[in-house]
Structure formats: structure tokens, C-alpha cells
Amino acid sequence: MFPSFTFAGIKVPMYSLMIAIGAFAYVLYLYFTFTRFEKVRTDTLNRMLFVSIAGFAILGISAFVFDALFHSIEEKKLTMGGITWLGGVIGAFPATIFLIHKFVPEGKGRALYFFSLVVPGIVLAHAFGRIGCFFGGCCYGMQVSPDNIFGVTFPAHSTAAHKLGLGANGRSVPVLPTQLFEAVFELILFVVMLATRKKTKKYNIEIYCFAYGVFRFILEFFRGDSRGASGLGLSPSQVISILLWCAATLLILFRNGKIFKKLAQKCEQWQEEYKLDMIKRHEDRRCCAVLSATNAIRELYKLSEDGIITKEEFEKKKQQLLDRIE
């Protein structure tokens, strides 16, 4: 564990640094995806950045609320203090899709598609966050024998040492670095999504829900930290993983026209309304351009008649103005 380092006399927490790197990586991914591949308007990109900030804020709030809920169930009294990633996902994913629908005109009726495009960026950011967890000493795995090749130890003041006890070397007993297992999995998932983006980009939500849900469900058997209780015989994250599978299944049925048919028709209607609105705006801008060019040509004609410019100069300028509105 490497909880912090000092730079220019300033103590920098590694967890916070990795979160910042993850956020920066997400913004870079978002920029290149929407400008280079999707070629959206600048206004759309700016709105997606705004929605992303709001979405991550909601994720933090939801992560805090669900963590409090799960620990309160375990303690049988109101308990607060931590966060849980999947608890954040449950609140933030649907909220962000709704925000895209409401505040990104180009995404109206296509909110699922737009959100699906940003999912790989979320996966990448979370991978850096899990590396931060390893440096910070949280989200550690179960205790293992000293000769286990995957076993790692944390300093005496770490959460692992406090919860599981100290080993012979004055550090925590060996535990599995489940944080790194998860970071590696998410980096691989990100690369796969990126490599197959042309074929799978519209299905990233379902891919994430199934792939991460399965991985996290299994990983929970190897976690050693306190994550609260669900009251259902499974860990909270395992319960949410099942909900992710259900959500992915519903999305597949929706995309194939099996359920929520009226909503699908409404989405098509919203898309058509957006296209018509864009056509109208284009025509309005062209009308303004034509009017402006007409007035300019009239002024040039007067200058030509008064001998201020030559007929050749008039024809050349007129043609340039006409070319701009074609």
C-alpha cells in the first residue's frame, strides 16, 4: 500500500490522485469518442460533459446512500460513513440516461445509445479508482496463507490490519488484492469494448451489466472487507449484480421490440422531431444567409455603378457571396 506521497511540501493522497486520473481519462475518452468517431456538434459534446458531471455527482450520492442502507441492515441501526460502487451505479445509470434525454437535444429518443457510448469511459475511470483503492488499503480481499503467491500485506495502520490483525512482520496478515483483480478486469473490458466498438458500441450497457455483474458476483466470494448486508443471504454487491443482469435482459427485450413498445415508438417520434427541427434550423440559417448575400450584392452593384469598383471586381465578389450559400 502506498497511501500518499509528498510533492513540493504538499501531501498528495494516492486514492484522490487515482480518482483524478480516472476522471481525466474519462474526459479524454468522451472527447475523442464524440468528436472523432461520432462527429457530434460542439454543443452536444459540452452538454454531455455537463451531464457526466451531474451523473458522477449522483453516483457519489447514491453510493453513500446504499452503503448506509447495507450497513444499517447489518448493524440493525442507522449507520453511515462509506460508499459502494454498485450502489452508485444503481442510482446514477438511470439518472444519467434521463439527463441525456432532457438536456442533450441530439440524444432525445437516443439516450440509451448516447449513454452506451460513454460506458467504456466509466469502466476506464473505475479501473483507476480501484487502483486508488489498493493504494488506500480499502476493498481488500480475504485472508490467505503467507505462501500464497497473490497475497499482499498492508501497513499496521491500514483498515486490513485493524480488521484482520497483524502478521509476524508487523503488517497486516496476507490478503488477496481484489482491488487489482478488479482493475485488471476493467482494463481488459475497456480494451475489448474499444476494439469492437463498431459492432458493439450500442450494446455497451448490456455488455457491462452482464460482464461486470458476473465478475463482481464471483469476486464477492473473495472479498475480506466489511460491505454491509442485504438481508437476502447474499452480499449487497451480489444482489445488485443480479439486478444488473435483470436490467440487461430488459434492455435486450426492449431493443428487440418485445416490451415497452409504446416507449420505443415515442423514442422514434422524438428522433424524427429532432431531425425536423435541425432541418428547419438549417433552412432558417440558409434564408438568413441568402438575405444577407442579397443585400451585400446590392451594395456592391451600387459601388460598381458609381465606378468605385470595376465590373470584374463586382462579378468576382458576387460569385463569392453566392458560393457561400450554396
Protein backbone atom coordinates (compact mmCIF):
# COMPACT_ATOMS: atom_id res chain seq x y z
CA MET A 1 0.00 0.00 0.00
CA PHE A 2 1.22 3.49 -0.86
CA PRO A 3 -1.38 5.81 0.68
CA SER A 4 0.28 9.14 -0.14
CA PHE A 5 3.41 10.95 -1.22
CA THR A 6 4.77 14.43 -0.66
CA PHE A 7 5.37 16.79 -3.58
CA ALA A 8 6.75 20.30 -3.05
CA GLY A 9 5.81 20.03 0.61
CA ILE A 10 2.24 19.03 -0.18
CA LYS A 11 0.88 15.65 0.89
CA VAL A 12 -0.94 14.03 -2.01
CA PRO A 13 -3.29 11.09 -1.22
CA MET A 14 -2.86 8.35 -3.82
CA TYR A 15 -6.53 7.46 -3.75
CA SER A 16 -7.52 11.03 -4.66
CA LEU A 17 -4.80 11.18 -7.30
CA MET A 18 -6.02 7.99 -8.99
CA ILE A 19 -9.61 9.27 -8.91
CA ALA A 20 -8.40 12.47 -10.61
CA ILE A 21 -6.51 10.48 -13.24
CA GLY A 22 -9.60 8.36 -13.84
CA ALA A 23 -11.75 11.47 -14.29
CA PHE A 24 -9.21 12.93 -16.73
CA ALA A 25 -9.10 9.65 -18.69
CA TYR A 26 -12.91 9.69 -18.86
CA VAL A 27 -12.98 13.24 -20.26
CA LEU A 28 -10.35 12.36 -22.88
CA TYR A 29 -12.31 9.27 -23.89
CA LEU A 30 -15.53 11.29 -24.10
CA TYR A 31 -13.87 13.97 -26.24
CA PHE A 32 -12.34 11.56 -28.76
CA THR A 33 -15.46 9.38 -28.95
CA PHE A 34 -17.87 12.20 -29.65
CA THR A 35 -15.63 14.35 -31.86
CA ARG A 36 -13.55 11.86 -33.83
CA PHE A 37 -15.93 8.89 -34.10
CA GLU A 38 -19.45 10.28 -33.65
CA LYS A 39 -18.67 13.76 -35.01
CA VAL A 40 -21.31 15.49 -32.90
CA ARG A 41 -21.71 19.23 -32.64
CA THR A 42 -19.65 21.12 -30.05
CA ASP A 43 -22.85 22.00 -28.21
CA THR A 44 -23.69 18.30 -27.87
CA LEU A 45 -20.22 17.49 -26.52
CA ASN A 46 -20.45 20.30 -23.95
CA ARG A 47 -23.87 19.09 -22.83
CA MET A 48 -22.57 15.52 -22.49
CA LEU A 49 -19.75 16.82 -20.28
CA PHE A 50 -22.28 18.67 -18.14
CA VAL A 51 -24.48 15.58 -17.88
CA SER A 52 -21.41 13.49 -16.98
CA ILE A 53 -20.52 15.80 -14.10
CA ALA A 54 -24.09 15.61 -12.82
CA GLY A 55 -24.09 11.84 -13.29
CA PHE A 56 -20.92 11.34 -11.26
CA ALA A 57 -22.33 13.58 -8.52
CA ILE A 58 -25.46 11.42 -8.43
CA LEU A 59 -23.25 8.31 -8.39
CA GLY A 60 -21.47 9.58 -5.28
CA ILE A 61 -24.73 10.36 -3.50
CA SER A 62 -26.29 7.04 -4.45
CA ALA A 63 -23.12 5.17 -3.41
CA PHE A 64 -23.27 6.82 0.00
CA VAL A 65 -26.99 6.17 0.50
CA PHE A 66 -26.83 2.49 -0.46
CA ASP A 67 -23.73 1.88 1.64
CA ALA A 68 -25.54 3.39 4.62
CA LEU A 69 -28.54 1.17 3.88
CA PHE A 70 -26.49 -2.05 3.69
CA HIS A 71 -24.50 -1.32 6.84
CA SER A 72 -27.66 -0.27 8.66
CA ILE A 73 -29.20 -3.65 7.78
CA GLU A 74 -26.10 -5.39 9.11
CA GLU A 75 -25.87 -3.32 12.31
CA LYS A 76 -29.65 -3.13 12.79
CA LYS A 77 -29.31 0.57 13.40
CA LEU A 78 -28.70 3.67 11.28
CA THR A 79 -25.07 3.62 10.16
CA MET A 80 -23.31 5.94 7.69
CA GLY A 81 -19.81 6.67 6.51
CA GLY A 82 -18.70 4.82 3.37
CA ILE A 83 -19.59 4.35 -0.29
CA THR A 84 -20.31 1.35 -2.52
CA TRP A 85 -19.67 1.41 -6.27
CA LEU A 86 -22.61 -0.73 -7.32
CA GLY A 87 -24.90 1.28 -5.07
CA GLY A 88 -23.78 4.32 -7.06
CA VAL A 89 -24.41 2.53 -10.36
CA ILE A 90 -27.99 1.69 -9.39
CA GLY A 91 -28.78 5.37 -8.90
CA ALA A 92 -26.51 7.05 -11.44
CA PHE A 93 -27.04 4.99 -14.58
CA PRO A 94 -30.80 5.53 -14.97
CA ALA A 95 -30.48 9.13 -13.76
CA THR A 96 -27.80 9.92 -16.36
CA ILE A 97 -29.88 8.36 -19.16
CA PHE A 98 -32.77 10.61 -18.09
CA LEU A 99 -30.49 13.68 -18.02
CA ILE A 100 -29.24 12.92 -21.54
CA HIS A 101 -32.84 12.73 -22.71
CA LYS A 102 -33.74 16.05 -21.07
CA PHE A 103 -30.63 18.17 -21.69
CA VAL A 104 -28.97 16.80 -24.84
CA PRO A 105 -31.25 17.60 -27.81
CA GLU A 106 -29.35 15.26 -30.15
CA GLY A 107 -29.83 12.48 -27.61
CA LYS A 108 -33.59 12.90 -27.29
CA GLY A 109 -35.01 9.50 -28.12
CA ARG A 110 -31.45 8.13 -28.36
CA ALA A 111 -30.44 8.46 -24.70
CA LEU A 112 -29.65 4.75 -24.39
CA TYR A 113 -27.33 4.95 -27.38
CA PHE A 114 -25.56 8.07 -26.12
CA PHE A 115 -25.13 6.61 -22.66
CA SER A 116 -23.88 3.35 -24.15
CA LEU A 117 -21.13 5.35 -25.86
CA VAL A 118 -19.82 6.66 -22.52
CA VAL A 119 -19.90 3.31 -20.67
CA PRO A 120 -16.31 2.35 -21.70
CA GLY A 121 -15.13 5.67 -20.26
CA ILE A 122 -16.85 4.86 -16.99
CA VAL A 123 -15.17 1.43 -16.97
CA LEU A 124 -11.76 3.06 -17.54
CA ALA A 125 -12.31 5.64 -14.79
CA HIS A 126 -13.42 2.92 -12.36
CA ALA A 127 -10.30 0.88 -13.14
CA PHE A 128 -8.13 3.79 -11.98
CA GLY A 129 -10.38 4.17 -8.95
CA ARG A 130 -9.75 0.54 -7.98
CA ILE A 131 -6.01 1.10 -8.24
CA GLY A 132 -6.61 4.00 -5.87
CA CYS A 133 -8.41 1.60 -3.53
CA PHE A 134 -5.32 -0.61 -3.50
CA PHE A 135 -3.07 2.32 -2.62
CA GLY A 136 -5.55 3.47 0.02
CA GLY A 137 -5.94 0.00 1.54
CA CYS A 138 -9.71 -0.36 1.21
CA CYS A 139 -11.78 -3.00 -0.63
CA TYR A 140 -9.21 -5.69 0.20
CA GLY A 141 -9.69 -9.43 -0.22
CA MET A 142 -9.96 -12.36 2.13
CA GLN A 143 -7.07 -13.54 4.29
CA VAL A 144 -4.72 -16.08 2.68
CA SER A 145 -1.72 -18.09 3.82
CA PRO A 146 1.71 -16.40 3.87
CA ASP A 147 2.93 -18.56 0.97
CA ASN A 148 0.04 -17.61 -1.35
CA ILE A 149 1.53 -16.03 -4.50
CA PHE A 150 -1.26 -13.45 -4.66
CA GLY A 151 -1.13 -12.46 -1.01
CA VAL A 152 -0.22 -8.87 -0.11
CA THR A 153 0.17 -7.13 3.24
CA PHE A 154 -0.76 -3.63 4.29
CA PRO A 155 0.81 -1.32 6.93
CA ALA A 156 -0.11 -1.62 10.60
CA HIS A 157 -2.36 1.45 10.48
CA SER A 158 -4.39 0.17 7.50
CA THR A 159 -8.00 -0.96 7.58
CA ALA A 160 -6.96 -4.53 6.77
CA ALA A 161 -4.57 -4.62 9.74
CA HIS A 162 -7.21 -3.13 12.03
CA LYS A 163 -9.94 -5.57 10.96
CA LEU A 164 -7.96 -8.77 10.40
CA GLY A 165 -4.98 -8.35 12.72
CA LEU A 166 -1.19 -8.08 12.32
CA GLY A 167 1.17 -10.67 10.94
CA ALA A 168 4.65 -11.57 12.16
CA ASN A 169 6.23 -8.70 10.21
CA GLY A 170 4.18 -6.00 11.93
CA ARG A 171 2.00 -5.52 8.89
CA SER A 172 -1.46 -6.88 8.16
CA VAL A 173 -1.98 -10.58 7.61
CA PRO A 174 -1.75 -11.50 3.88
CA VAL A 175 -4.90 -10.78 1.91
CA LEU A 176 -5.92 -11.04 -1.73
CA PRO A 177 -5.51 -7.77 -3.71
CA THR A 178 -9.06 -7.87 -5.03
CA GLN A 179 -8.73 -4.19 -5.93
CA LEU A 180 -6.08 -5.06 -8.51
CA PHE A 181 -8.05 -8.07 -9.77
CA GLU A 182 -10.94 -5.75 -10.48
CA ALA A 183 -8.75 -3.06 -12.04
CA VAL A 184 -7.20 -5.59 -14.44
CA PHE A 185 -10.63 -6.96 -15.37
CA GLU A 186 -11.97 -3.49 -16.11
CA LEU A 187 -8.94 -2.50 -18.17
CA ILE A 188 -9.42 -5.67 -20.24
CA LEU A 189 -13.15 -4.93 -20.58
CA PHE A 190 -12.34 -1.37 -21.71
CA VAL A 191 -9.90 -2.62 -24.36
CA VAL A 192 -12.42 -5.17 -25.63
CA MET A 193 -15.15 -2.53 -25.86
CA LEU A 194 -12.79 -0.20 -27.70
CA ALA A 195 -11.56 -2.89 -30.11
CA THR A 196 -15.10 -3.96 -31.00
CA ARG A 197 -16.74 -0.55 -30.85
CA LYS A 198 -18.06 -0.55 -34.43
CA LYS A 199 -20.13 -3.66 -33.78
CA THR A 200 -20.91 -3.38 -30.10
CA LYS A 201 -21.00 0.33 -29.21
CA LYS A 202 -24.80 0.44 -28.94
CA TYR A 203 -24.80 -2.58 -26.61
CA ASN A 204 -22.18 -1.40 -24.11
CA ILE A 205 -24.75 -1.07 -21.33
CA GLU A 206 -25.82 -4.69 -21.65
CA ILE A 207 -22.23 -5.87 -22.03
CA TYR A 208 -21.23 -4.02 -18.88
CA CYS A 209 -24.21 -5.23 -16.85
CA PHE A 210 -23.60 -8.87 -17.76
CA ALA A 211 -19.78 -8.90 -17.75
CA TYR A 212 -19.18 -6.78 -14.67
CA GLY A 213 -22.16 -8.31 -12.89
CA VAL A 214 -20.78 -11.84 -13.32
CA PHE A 215 -17.25 -10.80 -12.38
CA ARG A 216 -18.35 -8.87 -9.31
CA PHE A 217 -20.70 -11.65 -8.17
CA ILE A 218 -17.77 -14.09 -8.19
CA LEU A 219 -15.28 -11.61 -6.73
CA GLU A 220 -17.51 -11.11 -3.70
CA PHE A 221 -16.62 -14.61 -2.51
CA PHE A 222 -13.01 -13.45 -2.21
CA ARG A 223 -13.57 -10.07 -0.54
CA GLY A 224 -12.49 -9.65 3.08
CA ASP A 225 -13.67 -6.14 3.95
CA SER A 226 -16.98 -5.19 5.52
CA ARG A 227 -19.61 -4.37 2.90
CA GLY A 228 -22.76 -4.50 4.98
CA ALA A 229 -25.60 -6.96 4.50
CA SER A 230 -28.55 -7.32 2.14
CA GLY A 231 -30.72 -9.49 4.37
CA LEU A 232 -31.14 -11.93 1.48
CA GLY A 233 -28.30 -14.36 2.15
CA LEU A 234 -26.06 -12.72 -0.46
CA SER A 235 -23.69 -9.77 -0.21
CA PRO A 236 -25.14 -6.39 -1.25
CA SER A 237 -22.98 -6.35 -4.39
CA GLN A 238 -24.17 -9.83 -5.36
CA VAL A 239 -27.78 -8.71 -5.06
CA ILE A 240 -27.07 -5.65 -7.21
CA SER A 241 -25.19 -7.83 -9.71
CA ILE A 242 -28.37 -9.86 -10.15
CA LEU A 243 -30.28 -6.61 -10.68
CA LEU A 244 -27.76 -5.67 -13.37
CA TRP A 245 -28.41 -8.96 -15.16
CA CYS A 246 -32.14 -8.27 -14.99
CA ALA A 247 -31.64 -4.74 -16.35
CA ALA A 248 -29.54 -6.04 -19.25
CA THR A 249 -32.18 -8.64 -20.07
CA LEU A 250 -34.91 -5.98 -20.10
CA LEU A 251 -32.78 -3.79 -22.38
CA ILE A 252 -32.30 -6.64 -24.84
CA LEU A 253 -36.05 -7.33 -24.88
CA PHE A 254 -36.74 -3.61 -25.35
CA ARG A 255 -34.30 -3.29 -28.25
CA ASN A 256 -35.95 -6.28 -29.94
CA GLY A 257 -39.43 -4.82 -29.58
CA LYS A 258 -40.67 -7.38 -27.06
CA ILE A 259 -41.52 -4.96 -24.24
CA PHE A 260 -42.28 -1.25 -23.79
CA LYS A 261 -43.41 -0.94 -27.42
CA LYS A 262 -45.10 2.42 -26.85
CA LEU A 263 -41.89 3.82 -25.39
CA ALA A 264 -39.96 2.60 -28.46
CA GLN A 265 -42.49 4.35 -30.72
CA LYS A 266 -42.15 7.51 -28.63
CA CYS A 267 -38.36 7.37 -28.98
CA GLU A 268 -38.71 7.16 -32.77
CA GLN A 269 -41.08 10.13 -32.67
CA TRP A 270 -38.60 12.17 -30.61
CA GLN A 271 -35.82 11.34 -33.08
CA GLU A 272 -37.94 12.45 -36.03
CA GLU A 273 -38.87 15.68 -34.24
CA TYR A 274 -35.20 16.40 -33.64
CA LYS A 275 -34.32 15.77 -37.29
CA LEU A 276 -37.14 18.04 -38.48
CA ASP A 277 -36.05 20.73 -36.04
CA MET A 278 -32.47 20.54 -37.34
CA ILE A 279 -33.70 20.78 -40.95
CA LYS A 280 -35.80 23.83 -40.06
CA ARG A 281 -32.85 25.48 -38.32
CA HIS A 282 -30.65 24.79 -41.34
CA GLU A 283 -33.23 26.28 -43.67
CA ASP A 284 -33.63 29.33 -41.41
CA ARG A 285 -29.86 29.87 -41.38
CA ARG A 286 -29.75 29.50 -45.17
CA CYS A 287 -32.57 32.02 -45.59
CA CYS A 288 -30.66 34.48 -43.41
CA ALA A 289 -27.51 33.84 -45.43
CA VAL A 290 -29.38 34.40 -48.71
CA LEU A 291 -30.88 37.65 -47.44
CA SER A 292 -27.51 38.86 -46.21
CA ALA A 293 -25.83 37.96 -49.52
CA THR A 294 -28.60 39.70 -51.50
CA ASN A 295 -28.16 42.93 -49.56
CA ALA A 296 -24.39 42.74 -49.98
CA ILE A 297 -24.71 42.20 -53.74
CA ARG A 298 -26.98 45.25 -53.98
CA GLU A 299 -24.39 47.37 -52.19
CA LEU A 300 -21.65 46.05 -54.46
CA TYR A 301 -23.77 46.83 -57.51
CA LYS A 302 -24.15 50.46 -56.37
CA LEU A 303 -20.39 50.69 -55.90
CA SER A 304 -19.95 49.30 -59.39
CA GLU A 305 -22.43 51.77 -60.89
CA ASP A 306 -20.66 54.63 -59.12
CA GLY A 307 -17.34 53.47 -60.55
CA ILE A 308 -15.81 52.76 -57.14
CA ILE A 309 -15.17 49.14 -58.13
CA THR A 310 -14.87 47.62 -61.59
CA LYS A 311 -17.44 45.32 -63.21
CA GLU A 312 -14.92 42.47 -62.95
CA GLU A 313 -14.49 43.07 -59.21
CA PHE A 314 -18.26 43.19 -58.79
CA GLU A 315 -18.76 39.86 -60.58
CA LYS A 316 -15.97 38.23 -58.58
CA LYS A 317 -17.36 39.40 -55.22
CA LYS A 318 -20.91 38.46 -56.23
CA GLN A 319 -19.82 34.94 -57.11
CA GLN A 320 -18.01 34.58 -53.80
CA LEU A 321 -21.15 35.56 -51.90
CA LEU A 322 -23.28 33.16 -53.92
CA ASP A 323 -20.84 30.32 -53.34
CA ARG A 324 -21.20 30.72 -49.58
CA ILE A 325 -24.91 29.96 -49.60
CA GLU A 326 -24.88 27.01 -51.99
